[in-house]
Full PDB file with SEQRES, HELIX, SHEET, SSBOND, CRYST1, ORIGX, SCALE, CONECT and MASTER records, all heavy atoms in Angstrom:
SEQRES   1 A   32  TRP CYS GLN LYS ASN ASP CYS PHE ASN LEU ASP LYS ASN          
SEQRES   2 A   32  GLY VAL ILE PHE GLU ALA SER ALA GLU THR ILE LEU ARG          
SEQRES   3 A   32  PRO VAL VAL ARG THR GLU                                      
SHEET    1 AA1 3 CYS A   2  GLN A   3  0                                        
SHEET    2 AA1 3 ASP A   6  LEU A  10 -1                                        
SHEET    3 AA1 3 ILE A  16  ALA A  19 -1                                        
SSBOND   1 CYS A    2    CYS A    7                          1555   1555  2.17  
CRYST1    1.000    1.000    1.000  90.00  90.00  90.00 P 1           1          
ORIGX1      1.000000  0.000000  0.000000        0.00000                         
ORIGX2      0.000000  1.000000  0.000000        0.00000                         
ORIGX3      0.000000  0.000000  1.000000        0.00000                         
SCALE1      1.000000  0.000000  0.000000        0.00000                         
SCALE2      0.000000  1.000000  0.000000        0.00000                         
SCALE3      0.000000  0.000000  1.000000        0.00000                         
ATOM      1  N   TRP A   1      -1.789  -0.798   2.653  1.00  0.00           N  
ATOM      2  CA  TRP A   1      -0.723   0.294   2.470  1.00  0.00           C  
ATOM      3  C   TRP A   1      -1.517   1.558   2.003  1.00  0.00           C  
ATOM      4  O   TRP A   1      -2.379   1.595   1.258  1.00  0.00           O  
ATOM      5  CB  TRP A   1       0.133  -0.063   1.217  1.00  0.00           C  
ATOM      6  CG  TRP A   1       1.241   0.918   0.940  1.00  0.00           C  
ATOM      7  CD1 TRP A   1       2.444   1.056   1.538  1.00  0.00           C  
ATOM      8  CD2 TRP A   1       1.191   1.873  -0.085  1.00  0.00           C  
ATOM      9  NE1 TRP A   1       3.182   2.070   1.025  1.00  0.00           N  
ATOM     10  CE2 TRP A   1       2.474   2.609   0.040  1.00  0.00           C  
ATOM     11  CE3 TRP A   1       0.213   2.296  -0.928  1.00  0.00           C  
ATOM     12  CZ2 TRP A   1       2.704   3.691  -0.846  1.00  0.00           C  
ATOM     13  CZ3 TRP A   1       0.465   3.489  -1.849  1.00  0.00           C  
ATOM     14  CH2 TRP A   1       1.771   4.080  -1.728  1.00  0.00           C  
ATOM     15  N   CYS A   2      -1.281   2.637   2.843  1.00  0.00           N  
ATOM     16  CA  CYS A   2      -1.922   3.889   2.753  1.00  0.00           C  
ATOM     17  C   CYS A   2      -0.965   5.036   2.345  1.00  0.00           C  
ATOM     18  O   CYS A   2       0.157   5.160   2.940  1.00  0.00           O  
ATOM     19  CB  CYS A   2      -2.686   4.201   3.967  1.00  0.00           C  
ATOM     20  SG  CYS A   2      -3.867   2.916   4.432  1.00  0.00           S  
ATOM     21  N   GLN A   3      -1.485   5.907   1.483  1.00  0.00           N  
ATOM     22  CA  GLN A   3      -0.736   7.024   1.159  1.00  0.00           C  
ATOM     23  C   GLN A   3      -1.711   8.220   1.180  1.00  0.00           C  
ATOM     24  O   GLN A   3      -2.778   8.171   0.379  1.00  0.00           O  
ATOM     25  CB  GLN A   3      -0.028   7.072  -0.261  1.00  0.00           C  
ATOM     26  CG  GLN A   3       0.767   8.284  -0.463  1.00  0.00           C  
ATOM     27  CD  GLN A   3       1.608   8.088  -1.813  1.00  0.00           C  
ATOM     28  OE1 GLN A   3       1.166   7.313  -2.627  1.00  0.00           O  
ATOM     29  NE2 GLN A   3       2.633   8.858  -1.957  1.00  0.00           N  
ATOM     30  N   LYS A   4      -1.595   9.182   2.061  1.00  0.00           N  
ATOM     31  CA  LYS A   4      -2.597  10.258   2.303  1.00  0.00           C  
ATOM     32  C   LYS A   4      -3.940   9.558   2.675  1.00  0.00           C  
ATOM     33  O   LYS A   4      -3.960   8.884   3.657  1.00  0.00           O  
ATOM     34  CB  LYS A   4      -2.622  11.115   1.152  1.00  0.00           C  
ATOM     35  CG  LYS A   4      -1.340  11.951   0.866  1.00  0.00           C  
ATOM     36  CD  LYS A   4      -1.538  12.931  -0.359  1.00  0.00           C  
ATOM     37  CE  LYS A   4      -0.218  13.617  -0.654  1.00  0.00           C  
ATOM     38  NZ  LYS A   4      -0.262  14.555  -1.814  1.00  0.00           N  
ATOM     39  N   ASN A   5      -4.868   9.832   1.871  1.00  0.00           N  
ATOM     40  CA  ASN A   5      -6.239   9.224   2.276  1.00  0.00           C  
ATOM     41  C   ASN A   5      -6.564   8.005   1.382  1.00  0.00           C  
ATOM     42  O   ASN A   5      -7.668   7.451   1.615  1.00  0.00           O  
ATOM     43  CB  ASN A   5      -7.353  10.282   1.957  1.00  0.00           C  
ATOM     44  CG  ASN A   5      -7.146  11.467   2.956  1.00  0.00           C  
ATOM     45  OD1 ASN A   5      -6.744  11.361   4.084  1.00  0.00           O  
ATOM     46  ND2 ASN A   5      -7.471  12.708   2.516  1.00  0.00           N  
ATOM     47  N   ASP A   6      -5.634   7.516   0.676  1.00  0.00           N  
ATOM     48  CA  ASP A   6      -5.966   6.356  -0.289  1.00  0.00           C  
ATOM     49  C   ASP A   6      -5.257   5.081   0.434  1.00  0.00           C  
ATOM     50  O   ASP A   6      -4.113   5.109   0.725  1.00  0.00           O  
ATOM     51  CB  ASP A   6      -5.401   6.584  -1.678  1.00  0.00           C  
ATOM     52  CG  ASP A   6      -6.118   7.779  -2.328  1.00  0.00           C  
ATOM     53  OD1 ASP A   6      -7.255   7.862  -2.147  1.00  0.00           O  
ATOM     54  OD2 ASP A   6      -5.403   8.503  -3.095  1.00  0.00           O  
ATOM     55  N   CYS A   7      -6.018   4.032   0.468  1.00  0.00           N  
ATOM     56  CA  CYS A   7      -5.526   2.807   1.008  1.00  0.00           C  
ATOM     57  C   CYS A   7      -5.811   1.672   0.010  1.00  0.00           C  
ATOM     58  O   CYS A   7      -6.781   1.621  -0.730  1.00  0.00           O  
ATOM     59  CB  CYS A   7      -6.151   2.409   2.341  1.00  0.00           C  
ATOM     60  SG  CYS A   7      -5.757   3.609   3.619  1.00  0.00           S  
ATOM     61  N   PHE A   8      -4.826   0.722  -0.038  1.00  0.00           N  
ATOM     62  CA  PHE A   8      -4.939  -0.379  -0.893  1.00  0.00           C  
ATOM     63  C   PHE A   8      -4.514  -1.715  -0.237  1.00  0.00           C  
ATOM     64  O   PHE A   8      -3.674  -1.680   0.701  1.00  0.00           O  
ATOM     65  CB  PHE A   8      -3.905  -0.235  -2.147  1.00  0.00           C  
ATOM     66  CG  PHE A   8      -4.162   1.084  -2.852  1.00  0.00           C  
ATOM     67  CD1 PHE A   8      -3.544   2.296  -2.420  1.00  0.00           C  
ATOM     68  CD2 PHE A   8      -5.015   1.125  -3.955  1.00  0.00           C  
ATOM     69  CE1 PHE A   8      -3.806   3.467  -3.105  1.00  0.00           C  
ATOM     70  CE2 PHE A   8      -5.196   2.287  -4.661  1.00  0.00           C  
ATOM     71  CZ  PHE A   8      -4.620   3.445  -4.202  1.00  0.00           C  
ATOM     72  N   ASN A   9      -5.117  -2.712  -0.665  1.00  0.00           N  
ATOM     73  CA  ASN A   9      -4.686  -4.043  -0.156  1.00  0.00           C  
ATOM     74  C   ASN A   9      -3.282  -4.407  -0.623  1.00  0.00           C  
ATOM     75  O   ASN A   9      -2.968  -4.185  -1.756  1.00  0.00           O  
ATOM     76  CB  ASN A   9      -5.675  -5.232  -0.480  1.00  0.00           C  
ATOM     77  CG  ASN A   9      -6.959  -5.062   0.293  1.00  0.00           C  
ATOM     78  OD1 ASN A   9      -7.058  -4.485   1.334  1.00  0.00           O  
ATOM     79  ND2 ASN A   9      -8.053  -5.687  -0.271  1.00  0.00           N  
ATOM     80  N   LEU A  10      -2.518  -5.088   0.332  1.00  0.00           N  
ATOM     81  CA  LEU A  10      -1.089  -5.403   0.062  1.00  0.00           C  
ATOM     82  C   LEU A  10      -0.993  -6.816   0.093  1.00  0.00           C  
ATOM     83  O   LEU A  10      -1.360  -7.481   0.925  1.00  0.00           O  
ATOM     84  CB  LEU A  10      -0.345  -4.695   1.190  1.00  0.00           C  
ATOM     85  CG  LEU A  10       1.187  -4.587   1.112  1.00  0.00           C  
ATOM     86  CD1 LEU A  10       1.587  -3.594  -0.002  1.00  0.00           C  
ATOM     87  CD2 LEU A  10       1.684  -4.022   2.439  1.00  0.00           C  
ATOM     88  N   ASP A  11      -0.271  -7.467  -1.003  1.00  0.00           N  
ATOM     89  CA  ASP A  11      -0.069  -8.871  -0.993  1.00  0.00           C  
ATOM     90  C   ASP A  11       1.247  -9.262  -0.185  1.00  0.00           C  
ATOM     91  O   ASP A  11       2.009  -8.379   0.161  1.00  0.00           O  
ATOM     92  CB  ASP A  11      -0.134  -9.420  -2.391  1.00  0.00           C  
ATOM     93  CG  ASP A  11       1.085  -9.183  -3.201  1.00  0.00           C  
ATOM     94  OD1 ASP A  11       2.057  -8.590  -2.821  1.00  0.00           O  
ATOM     95  OD2 ASP A  11       1.064  -9.604  -4.427  1.00  0.00           O  
ATOM     96  N   LYS A  12       1.612 -10.516  -0.228  1.00  0.00           N  
ATOM     97  CA  LYS A  12       2.779 -11.017   0.530  1.00  0.00           C  
ATOM     98  C   LYS A  12       4.082 -10.495  -0.014  1.00  0.00           C  
ATOM     99  O   LYS A  12       5.145 -10.549   0.648  1.00  0.00           O  
ATOM    100  CB  LYS A  12       2.782 -12.515   0.514  1.00  0.00           C  
ATOM    101  CG  LYS A  12       2.904 -13.173  -0.820  1.00  0.00           C  
ATOM    102  CD  LYS A  12       2.712 -14.674  -0.835  1.00  0.00           C  
ATOM    103  CE  LYS A  12       2.787 -15.201  -2.164  1.00  0.00           C  
ATOM    104  NZ  LYS A  12       2.525 -16.647  -2.251  1.00  0.00           N  
ATOM    105  N   ASN A  13       4.083  -9.998  -1.294  1.00  0.00           N  
ATOM    106  CA  ASN A  13       5.330  -9.463  -1.929  1.00  0.00           C  
ATOM    107  C   ASN A  13       5.428  -7.965  -1.885  1.00  0.00           C  
ATOM    108  O   ASN A  13       6.326  -7.424  -2.508  1.00  0.00           O  
ATOM    109  CB  ASN A  13       5.333  -9.973  -3.430  1.00  0.00           C  
ATOM    110  CG  ASN A  13       5.366 -11.493  -3.504  1.00  0.00           C  
ATOM    111  OD1 ASN A  13       6.249 -12.109  -2.810  1.00  0.00           O  
ATOM    112  ND2 ASN A  13       4.630 -12.069  -4.308  1.00  0.00           N  
ATOM    113  N   GLY A  14       4.445  -7.365  -1.215  1.00  0.00           N  
ATOM    114  CA  GLY A  14       4.519  -5.910  -1.127  1.00  0.00           C  
ATOM    115  C   GLY A  14       3.923  -5.189  -2.300  1.00  0.00           C  
ATOM    116  O   GLY A  14       4.227  -4.060  -2.578  1.00  0.00           O  
ATOM    117  N   VAL A  15       3.125  -5.877  -3.031  1.00  0.00           N  
ATOM    118  CA  VAL A  15       2.410  -5.324  -4.248  1.00  0.00           C  
ATOM    119  C   VAL A  15       0.999  -4.952  -3.911  1.00  0.00           C  
ATOM    120  O   VAL A  15       0.295  -5.694  -3.238  1.00  0.00           O  
ATOM    121  CB  VAL A  15       2.473  -6.357  -5.390  1.00  0.00           C  
ATOM    122  CG1 VAL A  15       1.752  -5.832  -6.558  1.00  0.00           C  
ATOM    123  CG2 VAL A  15       3.829  -6.636  -5.735  1.00  0.00           C  
ATOM    124  N   ILE A  16       0.568  -3.685  -4.268  1.00  0.00           N  
ATOM    125  CA  ILE A  16      -0.799  -3.272  -4.054  1.00  0.00           C  
ATOM    126  C   ILE A  16      -1.668  -3.923  -5.208  1.00  0.00           C  
ATOM    127  O   ILE A  16      -1.259  -3.806  -6.397  1.00  0.00           O  
ATOM    128  CB  ILE A  16      -1.040  -1.794  -3.984  1.00  0.00           C  
ATOM    129  CG1 ILE A  16      -0.405  -1.029  -5.030  1.00  0.00           C  
ATOM    130  CG2 ILE A  16      -0.449  -1.418  -2.477  1.00  0.00           C  
ATOM    131  CD1 ILE A  16      -0.629   0.441  -5.072  1.00  0.00           C  
ATOM    132  N   PHE A  17      -2.850  -4.425  -4.930  1.00  0.00           N  
ATOM    133  CA  PHE A  17      -3.633  -5.066  -6.019  1.00  0.00           C  
ATOM    134  C   PHE A  17      -5.056  -4.608  -6.071  1.00  0.00           C  
ATOM    135  O   PHE A  17      -5.836  -5.003  -6.984  1.00  0.00           O  
ATOM    136  CB  PHE A  17      -3.528  -6.623  -5.920  1.00  0.00           C  
ATOM    137  CG  PHE A  17      -3.937  -7.199  -4.621  1.00  0.00           C  
ATOM    138  CD1 PHE A  17      -5.310  -7.696  -4.500  1.00  0.00           C  
ATOM    139  CD2 PHE A  17      -3.098  -7.343  -3.520  1.00  0.00           C  
ATOM    140  CE1 PHE A  17      -5.733  -8.215  -3.301  1.00  0.00           C  
ATOM    141  CE2 PHE A  17      -3.590  -7.932  -2.332  1.00  0.00           C  
ATOM    142  CZ  PHE A  17      -4.930  -8.388  -2.262  1.00  0.00           C  
ATOM    143  N   GLU A  18      -5.606  -3.916  -5.074  1.00  0.00           N  
ATOM    144  CA  GLU A  18      -6.929  -3.444  -5.131  1.00  0.00           C  
ATOM    145  C   GLU A  18      -7.123  -2.400  -4.080  1.00  0.00           C  
ATOM    146  O   GLU A  18      -6.407  -2.347  -3.079  1.00  0.00           O  
ATOM    147  CB  GLU A  18      -8.000  -4.591  -4.929  1.00  0.00           C  
ATOM    148  CG  GLU A  18      -7.999  -5.176  -3.486  1.00  0.00           C  
ATOM    149  CD  GLU A  18      -9.003  -6.321  -3.438  1.00  0.00           C  
ATOM    150  OE1 GLU A  18      -9.836  -6.460  -4.347  1.00  0.00           O  
ATOM    151  OE2 GLU A  18      -8.940  -7.000  -2.341  1.00  0.00           O  
ATOM    152  N   ALA A  19      -8.009  -1.509  -4.287  1.00  0.00           N  
ATOM    153  CA  ALA A  19      -8.449  -0.386  -3.390  1.00  0.00           C  
ATOM    154  C   ALA A  19      -9.018  -0.994  -2.129  1.00  0.00           C  
ATOM    155  O   ALA A  19      -9.782  -2.069  -2.220  1.00  0.00           O  
ATOM    156  CB  ALA A  19      -9.316   0.626  -3.969  1.00  0.00           C  
ATOM    157  N   SER A  20      -8.712  -0.441  -0.943  1.00  0.00           N  
ATOM    158  CA  SER A  20      -9.367  -0.903   0.218  1.00  0.00           C  
ATOM    159  C   SER A  20     -10.028   0.158   1.027  1.00  0.00           C  
ATOM    160  O   SER A  20      -9.368   1.219   1.308  1.00  0.00           O  
ATOM    161  CB  SER A  20      -8.144  -1.532   1.082  1.00  0.00           C  
ATOM    162  OG  SER A  20      -8.586  -1.886   2.429  1.00  0.00           O  
ATOM    163  N   ALA A  21     -11.242  -0.005   1.258  1.00  0.00           N  
ATOM    164  CA  ALA A  21     -12.036   1.026   1.963  1.00  0.00           C  
ATOM    165  C   ALA A  21     -11.836   0.938   3.425  1.00  0.00           C  
ATOM    166  O   ALA A  21     -11.972   1.848   4.198  1.00  0.00           O  
ATOM    167  CB  ALA A  21     -13.470   0.883   1.663  1.00  0.00           C  
ATOM    168  N   GLU A  22     -11.497  -0.320   3.868  1.00  0.00           N  
ATOM    169  CA  GLU A  22     -11.230  -0.463   5.284  1.00  0.00           C  
ATOM    170  C   GLU A  22      -9.740  -0.676   5.580  1.00  0.00           C  
ATOM    171  O   GLU A  22      -9.041  -1.356   4.675  1.00  0.00           O  
ATOM    172  CB  GLU A  22     -12.029  -1.719   5.815  1.00  0.00           C  
ATOM    173  CG  GLU A  22     -13.601  -1.514   5.559  1.00  0.00           C  
ATOM    174  CD  GLU A  22     -14.250  -2.840   6.027  1.00  0.00           C  
ATOM    175  OE1 GLU A  22     -13.611  -3.859   6.345  1.00  0.00           O  
ATOM    176  OE2 GLU A  22     -15.472  -2.689   6.019  1.00  0.00           O  
ATOM    177  N   THR A  23      -9.194  -0.316   6.654  1.00  0.00           N  
ATOM    178  CA  THR A  23      -7.915  -0.593   7.077  1.00  0.00           C  
ATOM    179  C   THR A  23      -7.819  -1.459   8.316  1.00  0.00           C  
ATOM    180  O   THR A  23      -6.865  -1.383   9.129  1.00  0.00           O  
ATOM    181  CB  THR A  23      -7.115   0.670   7.301  1.00  0.00           C  
ATOM    182  OG1 THR A  23      -7.867   1.456   8.404  1.00  0.00           O  
ATOM    183  CG2 THR A  23      -7.019   1.529   6.064  1.00  0.00           C  
ATOM    184  N   ILE A  24      -8.813  -2.447   8.425  1.00  0.00           N  
ATOM    185  CA  ILE A  24      -8.809  -3.297   9.604  1.00  0.00           C  
ATOM    186  C   ILE A  24      -7.808  -4.426   9.355  1.00  0.00           C  
ATOM    187  O   ILE A  24      -7.517  -5.142  10.253  1.00  0.00           O  
ATOM    188  CB  ILE A  24     -10.151  -3.891   9.760  1.00  0.00           C  
ATOM    189  CG1 ILE A  24     -10.732  -4.661   8.554  1.00  0.00           C  
ATOM    190  CG2 ILE A  24     -11.200  -2.853  10.268  1.00  0.00           C  
ATOM    191  CD1 ILE A  24     -11.945  -5.433   8.691  1.00  0.00           C  
ATOM    192  N   LEU A  25      -7.316  -4.525   8.062  1.00  0.00           N  
ATOM    193  CA  LEU A  25      -6.284  -5.626   7.860  1.00  0.00           C  
ATOM    194  C   LEU A  25      -5.027  -5.123   8.526  1.00  0.00           C  
ATOM    195  O   LEU A  25      -4.708  -3.988   8.589  1.00  0.00           O  
ATOM    196  CB  LEU A  25      -6.026  -5.641   6.335  1.00  0.00           C  
ATOM    197  CG  LEU A  25      -7.263  -6.279   5.522  1.00  0.00           C  
ATOM    198  CD1 LEU A  25      -7.035  -6.008   4.054  1.00  0.00           C  
ATOM    199  CD2 LEU A  25      -7.417  -7.730   5.839  1.00  0.00           C  
ATOM    200  N   ARG A  26      -4.293  -6.113   8.982  1.00  0.00           N  
ATOM    201  CA  ARG A  26      -3.027  -5.783   9.644  1.00  0.00           C  
ATOM    202  C   ARG A  26      -1.808  -6.344   8.997  1.00  0.00           C  
ATOM    203  O   ARG A  26      -2.004  -7.528   8.486  1.00  0.00           O  
ATOM    204  CB  ARG A  26      -2.988  -6.161  11.216  1.00  0.00           C  
ATOM    205  CG  ARG A  26      -4.039  -5.380  12.012  1.00  0.00           C  
ATOM    206  CD  ARG A  26      -3.758  -3.880  12.146  1.00  0.00           C  
ATOM    207  NE  ARG A  26      -4.614  -3.179  13.082  1.00  0.00           N  
ATOM    208  CZ  ARG A  26      -5.584  -2.478  12.617  1.00  0.00           C  
ATOM    209  NH1 ARG A  26      -5.902  -2.429  11.336  1.00  0.00           N  
ATOM    210  NH2 ARG A  26      -6.379  -1.835  13.479  1.00  0.00           N  
ATOM    211  N   PRO A  27      -0.682  -5.832   8.921  1.00  0.00           N  
ATOM    212  CA  PRO A  27      -0.423  -4.513   9.421  1.00  0.00           C  
ATOM    213  C   PRO A  27      -0.861  -3.322   8.401  1.00  0.00           C  
ATOM    214  O   PRO A  27      -0.883  -3.655   7.211  1.00  0.00           O  
ATOM    215  CB  PRO A  27       1.110  -4.447   9.529  1.00  0.00           C  
ATOM    216  CG  PRO A  27       1.529  -5.443   8.488  1.00  0.00           C  
ATOM    217  CD  PRO A  27       0.520  -6.533   8.388  1.00  0.00           C  
ATOM    218  N   VAL A  28      -1.105  -2.243   9.020  1.00  0.00           N  
ATOM    219  CA  VAL A  28      -1.407  -1.085   8.061  1.00  0.00           C  
ATOM    220  C   VAL A  28      -0.072  -0.281   7.954  1.00  0.00           C  
ATOM    221  O   VAL A  28       0.541   0.011   8.990  1.00  0.00           O  
ATOM    222  CB  VAL A  28      -2.462  -0.198   8.758  1.00  0.00           C  
ATOM    223  CG1 VAL A  28      -2.687   1.136   7.897  1.00  0.00           C  
ATOM    224  CG2 VAL A  28      -3.852  -0.889   8.869  1.00  0.00           C  
ATOM    225  N   VAL A  29       0.323  -0.030   6.713  1.00  0.00           N  
ATOM    226  CA  VAL A  29       1.635   0.552   6.484  1.00  0.00           C  
ATOM    227  C   VAL A  29       1.285   1.907   5.767  1.00  0.00           C  
ATOM    228  O   VAL A  29       0.641   1.905   4.779  1.00  0.00           O  
ATOM    229  CB  VAL A  29       2.555  -0.312   5.568  1.00  0.00           C  
ATOM    230  CG1 VAL A  29       3.896   0.339   5.364  1.00  0.00           C  
ATOM    231  CG2 VAL A  29       2.766  -1.689   6.180  1.00  0.00           C  
ATOM    232  N   ARG A  30       1.751   2.979   6.323  1.00  0.00           N  
ATOM    233  CA  ARG A  30       1.669   4.282   5.710  1.00  0.00           C  
ATOM    234  C   ARG A  30       2.973   4.773   5.296  1.00  0.00           C  
ATOM    235  O   ARG A  30       4.056   4.462   5.804  1.00  0.00           O  
ATOM    236  CB  ARG A  30       0.932   5.283   6.802  1.00  0.00           C  
ATOM    237  CG  ARG A  30      -0.392   4.922   7.070  1.00  0.00           C  
ATOM    238  CD  ARG A  30      -1.029   5.995   7.882  1.00  0.00           C  
ATOM    239  NE  ARG A  30      -2.451   5.692   8.241  1.00  0.00           N  
ATOM    240  CZ  ARG A  30      -3.396   5.940   7.353  1.00  0.00           C  
ATOM    241  NH1 ARG A  30      -3.226   6.572   6.237  1.00  0.00           N  
ATOM    242  NH2 ARG A  30      -4.678   5.610   7.705  1.00  0.00           N  
ATOM    243  N   THR A  31       2.937   5.731   4.354  1.00  0.00           N  
ATOM    244  CA  THR A  31       4.150   6.481   4.058  1.00  0.00           C  
ATOM    245  C   THR A  31       3.808   7.972   3.847  1.00  0.00           C  
ATOM    246  O   THR A  31       2.733   8.325   3.361  1.00  0.00           O  
ATOM    247  CB  THR A  31       4.715   5.937   2.620  1.00  0.00           C  
ATOM    248  OG1 THR A  31       5.828   6.760   2.218  1.00  0.00           O  
ATOM    249  CG2 THR A  31       3.742   6.082   1.489  1.00  0.00           C  
ATOM    250  N   GLU A  32       4.643   8.723   4.540  1.00  0.00           N  
ATOM    251  CA  GLU A  32       4.415  10.217   4.409  1.00  0.00           C  
ATOM    252  C   GLU A  32       5.224  10.905   3.337  1.00  0.00           C  
ATOM    253  O   GLU A  32       5.111  12.106   3.231  1.00  0.00           O  
ATOM    254  CB  GLU A  32       4.848  10.806   5.866  1.00  0.00           C  
ATOM    255  CG  GLU A  32       3.963  10.315   6.844  1.00  0.00           C  
ATOM    256  CD  GLU A  32       4.246  10.972   8.281  1.00  0.00           C  
ATOM    257  OE1 GLU A  32       5.308  11.663   8.346  1.00  0.00           O  
ATOM    258  OE2 GLU A  32       3.416  10.815   9.160  1.00  0.00           O  
TER     259      GLU A  32                                                      
CONECT   20   60                                                                
CONECT   60   20                                                                
MASTER        0    0    0    0    3    0    0    6  258    1    2    3          
END                                                                             
């Protein structure tokens, strides 16, 4: 899950639990 330039790993419940330097995980979800 990414907002602006910050990305975080997303669990199955939609909760972010750690910073992610890579966005190779799928799906990548952004919010503007």
